[in-house]
C-alpha atoms as a PDB file:
ATOM      1  CA  MET A   1     147.296  99.882  82.834  1.00  0.00           C
ATOM      2  CA  ASP A   2     146.465  96.220  82.145  1.00  0.00           C
ATOM      3  CA  LYS A   3     147.098  95.408  85.834  1.00  0.00           C
ATOM      4  CA  ILE A   4     144.453  97.859  87.030  1.00  0.00           C
ATOM      5  CA  GLN A   5     141.458  96.025  88.424  1.00  0.00           C
ATOM      6  CA  PRO A   6     138.024  97.658  88.572  1.00  0.00           C
ATOM      7  CA  VAL A   7     136.807  98.625  92.014  1.00  0.00           C
ATOM      8  CA  ASN A   8     133.196  97.623  92.473  1.00  0.00           C
ATOM      9  CA  LEU A   9     132.270  98.500  96.012  1.00  0.00           C
ATOM     10  CA  GLN A  10     128.753  98.746  97.340  1.00  0.00           C
ATOM     11  CA  GLY A  11     128.537  99.355 101.064  1.00  0.00           C
ATOM     12  CA  LYS A  12     126.136 100.885 103.516  1.00  0.00           C
ATOM     13  CA  HIS A  13     127.889 104.291 103.497  1.00  0.00           C
ATOM     14  CA  ALA A  14     129.973 104.349 100.303  1.00  0.00           C
ATOM     15  CA  ALA A  15     129.932 103.021  96.772  1.00  0.00           C
ATOM     16  CA  SER A  16     132.419 103.046  93.925  1.00  0.00           C
ATOM     17  CA  CYS A  17     132.324 101.532  90.487  1.00  0.00           C
ATOM     18  CA  GLY A  18     135.030 101.362  87.870  1.00  0.00           C
ATOM     19  CA  PRO A  19     138.826 101.393  87.597  1.00  0.00           C
ATOM     20  CA  LEU A  20     141.128 103.857  89.280  1.00  0.00           C
ATOM     21  CA  PRO A  21     143.088 105.075  86.240  1.00  0.00           C
ATOM     22  CA  ILE A  22     146.506 105.333  87.867  1.00  0.00           C
ATOM     23  CA  PRO A  23     149.283 102.747  88.073  1.00  0.00           C
ATOM     24  CA  PRO A  24     150.221 101.291  91.475  1.00  0.00           C
ATOM     25  CA  SER A  25     152.912 103.033  93.504  1.00  0.00           C
ATOM     26  CA  GLU A  26     156.474 101.745  93.472  1.00  0.00           C
ATOM     27  CA  GLN A  27     156.229 100.460  97.049  1.00  0.00           C
ATOM     28  CA  GLY A  28     153.006  98.598  96.234  1.00  0.00           C
ATOM     29  CA  GLN A  29     151.011 100.169  99.051  1.00  0.00           C
ATOM     30  CA  PRO A  30     150.020 103.653 100.215  1.00  0.00           C
ATOM     31  CA  VAL A  31     152.564 105.660 102.186  1.00  0.00           C
ATOM     32  CA  ILE A  32     151.580 105.807 105.858  1.00  0.00           C
ATOM     33  CA  PHE A  33     152.101 109.106 107.681  1.00  0.00           C
ATOM     34  CA  GLN A  34     151.874 109.712 111.410  1.00  0.00           C
ATOM     35  CA  ALA A  35     150.877 113.204 112.492  1.00  0.00           C
ATOM     36  CA  GLY A  36     152.632 114.425 115.606  1.00  0.00           C
ATOM     37  CA  GLY A  37     156.079 114.394 117.081  1.00  0.00           C
ATOM     38  CA  GLY A  38     155.334 113.370 120.665  1.00  0.00           C
ATOM     39  CA  SER A  39     157.016 110.296 122.111  1.00  0.00           C
ATOM     40  CA  TYR A  40     154.051 107.979 121.474  1.00  0.00           C
ATOM     41  CA  GLY A  41     153.584 109.308 117.960  1.00  0.00           C
ATOM     42  CA  LEU A  42     157.241 108.820 117.157  1.00  0.00           C
ATOM     43  CA  GLU A  43     157.130 105.242 118.476  1.00  0.00           C
ATOM     44  CA  LEU A  44     154.107 104.556 116.264  1.00  0.00           C
ATOM     45  CA  ALA A  45     155.822 106.156 113.277  1.00  0.00           C
ATOM     46  CA  GLY A  46     159.022 104.220 113.928  1.00  0.00           C
ATOM     47  CA  ARG A  47     157.074 100.989 113.801  1.00  0.00           C
ATOM     48  CA  TYR A  48     154.621 101.579 110.955  1.00  0.00           C
ATOM     49  CA  ALA A  49     154.977 104.881 109.098  1.00  0.00           C
ATOM     50  CA  GLY A  50     156.901 106.009 106.078  1.00  0.00           C
ATOM     51  CA  GLY A  51     156.854 109.562 107.383  1.00  0.00           C
ATOM     52  CA  VAL A  52     155.865 111.732 110.309  1.00  0.00           C
ATOM     53  CA  TYR A  53     154.657 115.328 110.418  1.00  0.00           C
ATOM     54  CA  ALA A  54     156.226 117.217 113.298  1.00  0.00           C
ATOM     55  CA  ASN A  55     156.200 120.790 114.536  1.00  0.00           C
ATOM     56  CA  PRO A  56     159.457 121.347 116.396  1.00  0.00           C
ATOM     57  CA  TYR A  57     159.898 124.807 117.865  1.00  0.00           C
ATOM     58  CA  THR A  58     163.669 124.964 117.566  1.00  0.00           C
ATOM     59  CA  ILE A  59     166.398 123.332 115.531  1.00  0.00           C
ATOM     60  CA  GLU A  60     167.448 121.468 118.695  1.00  0.00           C
ATOM     61  CA  ASP A  61     163.883 120.128 119.101  1.00  0.00           C
ATOM     62  CA  ALA A  62     163.880 119.062 115.446  1.00  0.00           C
ATOM     63  CA  ARG A  63     167.164 117.206 115.856  1.00  0.00           C
ATOM     64  CA  ALA A  64     165.958 115.530 119.051  1.00  0.00           C
ATOM     65  CA  GLN A  65     162.687 114.454 117.408  1.00  0.00           C
ATOM     66  CA  ARG A  66     164.505 113.140 114.342  1.00  0.00           C
ATOM     67  CA  GLN A  67     166.908 111.150 116.524  1.00  0.00           C
ATOM     68  CA  ALA A  68     164.003 109.770 118.593  1.00  0.00           C
ATOM     69  CA  LEU A  69     162.282 108.747 115.339  1.00  0.00           C
ATOM     70  CA  ARG A  70     165.442 107.026 114.108  1.00  0.00           C
ATOM     71  CA  ASP A  71     165.814 105.231 117.458  1.00  0.00           C
ATOM     72  CA  ALA A  72     162.157 104.113 117.342  1.00  0.00           C
ATOM     73  CA  ALA A  73     162.648 102.706 113.838  1.00  0.00           C
ATOM     74  CA  LYS A  74     165.737 100.787 115.006  1.00  0.00           C
ATOM     75  CA  ARG A  75     163.814  99.347 117.978  1.00  0.00           C
ATOM     76  CA  ALA A  76     161.122  98.199 115.546  1.00  0.00           C
ATOM     77  CA  GLY A  77     163.742  96.458 113.394  1.00  0.00           C
ATOM     78  CA  ARG A  78     163.476  98.962 110.557  1.00  0.00           C
ATOM     79  CA  ASP A  79     166.061 100.959 108.638  1.00  0.00           C
ATOM     80  CA  PRO A  80     165.942 104.457 110.214  1.00  0.00           C
ATOM     81  CA  ASP A  81     166.516 106.050 106.805  1.00  0.00           C
ATOM     82  CA  GLU A  82     163.187 104.633 105.556  1.00  0.00           C
ATOM     83  CA  VAL A  83     161.162 106.847 107.919  1.00  0.00           C
ATOM     84  CA  LYS A  84     161.125 110.505 106.919  1.00  0.00           C
ATOM     85  CA  MET A  85     160.306 113.468 109.147  1.00  0.00           C
ATOM     86  CA  LEU A  86     158.543 116.468 107.653  1.00  0.00           C
ATOM     87  CA  ALA A  87     158.916 119.439 109.955  1.00  0.00           C
ATOM     88  CA  GLY A  88     156.214 122.066 109.900  1.00  0.00           C
ATOM     89  CA  PHE A  89     156.863 125.769 109.962  1.00  0.00           C
ATOM     90  CA  ILE A  90     154.840 128.013 112.266  1.00  0.00           C
ATOM     91  CA  PRO A  91     155.917 131.628 111.889  1.00  0.00           C
ATOM     92  CA  THR A  92     155.108 134.100 114.649  1.00  0.00           C
ATOM     93  CA  ILE A  93     155.398 137.732 113.626  1.00  0.00           C
ATOM     94  CA  ALA A  94     156.012 140.519 116.153  1.00  0.00           C
ATOM     95  CA  PRO A  95     158.105 143.679 116.458  1.00  0.00           C
ATOM     96  CA  SER A  96     160.947 141.861 118.250  1.00  0.00           C
ATOM     97  CA  ARG A  97     162.226 138.349 118.911  1.00  0.00           C
ATOM     98  CA  GLN A  98     161.160 138.606 122.571  1.00  0.00           C
ATOM     99  CA  ALA A  99     157.653 139.740 121.600  1.00  0.00           C
ATOM    100  CA  ALA A 100     157.407 136.892 119.068  1.00  0.00           C
ATOM    101  CA  LEU A 101     158.402 134.333 121.706  1.00  0.00           C
ATOM    102  CA  GLN A 102     155.846 135.742 124.155  1.00  0.00           C
ATOM    103  CA  ARG A 103     153.163 135.645 121.471  1.00  0.00           C
ATOM    104  CA  ARG A 104     154.068 132.055 120.560  1.00  0.00           C
ATOM    105  CA  ARG A 105     153.830 130.976 124.212  1.00  0.00           C
ATOM    106  CA  PHE A 106     150.468 132.726 124.536  1.00  0.00           C
ATOM    107  CA  LEU A 107     149.133 131.007 121.399  1.00  0.00           C
ATOM    108  CA  ASP A 108     150.457 127.627 122.533  1.00  0.00           C
ATOM    109  CA  GLU A 109     148.808 127.942 125.938  1.00  0.00           C
ATOM    110  CA  GLY A 110     145.474 128.665 124.272  1.00  0.00           C
ATOM    111  CA  SER A 111     145.733 125.598 122.033  1.00  0.00           C
ATOM    112  CA  GLN A 112     146.168 123.022 124.789  1.00  0.00           C
ATOM    113  CA  CYS A 113     143.353 120.532 124.820  1.00  0.00           C
ATOM    114  CA  GLU A 114     141.329 119.967 127.932  1.00  0.00           C
ATOM    115  CA  PRO A 115     139.940 116.588 128.979  1.00  0.00           C
ATOM    116  CA  VAL A 116     136.702 115.927 127.153  1.00  0.00           C
ATOM    117  CA  ARG A 117     133.824 113.615 127.826  1.00  0.00           C
ATOM    118  CA  ALA A 118     132.496 111.413 125.087  1.00  0.00           C
ATOM    119  CA  LEU A 119     130.039 108.580 124.855  1.00  0.00           C
ATOM    120  CA  ASN A 120     131.170 105.079 124.077  1.00  0.00           C
ATOM    121  CA  GLN A 121     129.140 102.775 121.828  1.00  0.00           C
ATOM    122  CA  ASN A 122     126.870 101.790 124.726  1.00  0.00           C
ATOM    123  CA  GLY A 123     126.058 105.429 125.521  1.00  0.00           C
ATOM    124  CA  ALA A 124     128.071 105.442 128.745  1.00  0.00           C
ATOM    125  CA  ALA A 125     130.332 108.418 129.417  1.00  0.00           C
ATOM    126  CA  ARG A 126     134.036 107.860 129.095  1.00  0.00           C
ATOM    127  CA  ARG A 127     136.876 110.305 129.556  1.00  0.00           C
ATOM    128  CA  SER A 128     139.345 111.058 126.784  1.00  0.00           C
ATOM    129  CA  VAL A 129     142.382 113.113 127.623  1.00  0.00           C
ATOM    130  CA  TRP A 130     144.327 114.759 124.838  1.00  0.00           C
ATOM    131  CA  PRO A 131     147.924 115.572 125.778  1.00  0.00           C
ATOM    132  CA  ALA A 132     148.874 119.231 125.994  1.00  0.00           C
ATOM    133  CA  ARG A 133     151.402 120.524 123.506  1.00  0.00           C
ATOM    134  CA  SER A 134     154.808 121.305 124.837  1.00  0.00           C
ATOM    135  CA  SER A 135     157.273 123.848 123.551  1.00  0.00           C
ATOM    136  CA  SER A 136     160.126 121.398 124.090  1.00  0.00           C
ATOM    137  CA  PHE A 137     160.380 117.799 122.991  1.00  0.00           C
ATOM    138  CA  GLN A 138     160.443 115.180 125.702  1.00  0.00           C
ATOM    139  CA  SER A 139     161.207 111.573 124.874  1.00  0.00           C
ATOM    140  CA  ARG A 140     160.038 108.693 126.996  1.00  0.00           C
END
């Protein structure tokens, strides 16, 4: 605990005073996670993250996403084993497998984001497009 330095921060929107009473992590910095298993997200994770949250729909999708993450880490000059993938679990309950798959597709279609308009810092409208979710992984 003798290496812990007090944090005395006074800013416009936040303030903190005093030590954080925990020792530093073994890696010396916070673990960086990337949320999302799309091709751009996996590239970002391969370059910078220690882990990525993903929501594959099938075991094949999970394997493909994991391999794409490993490949992205290699391209970034990193050890692929250093980047972990945490797969989410999204259960869909229905009377039959076919009904569950139909329900999942219906729920996925309703969760796709539409293009939205936002204002930039100057107050001018700009268009942001969020990619739609896909039920199958597609690498670049």
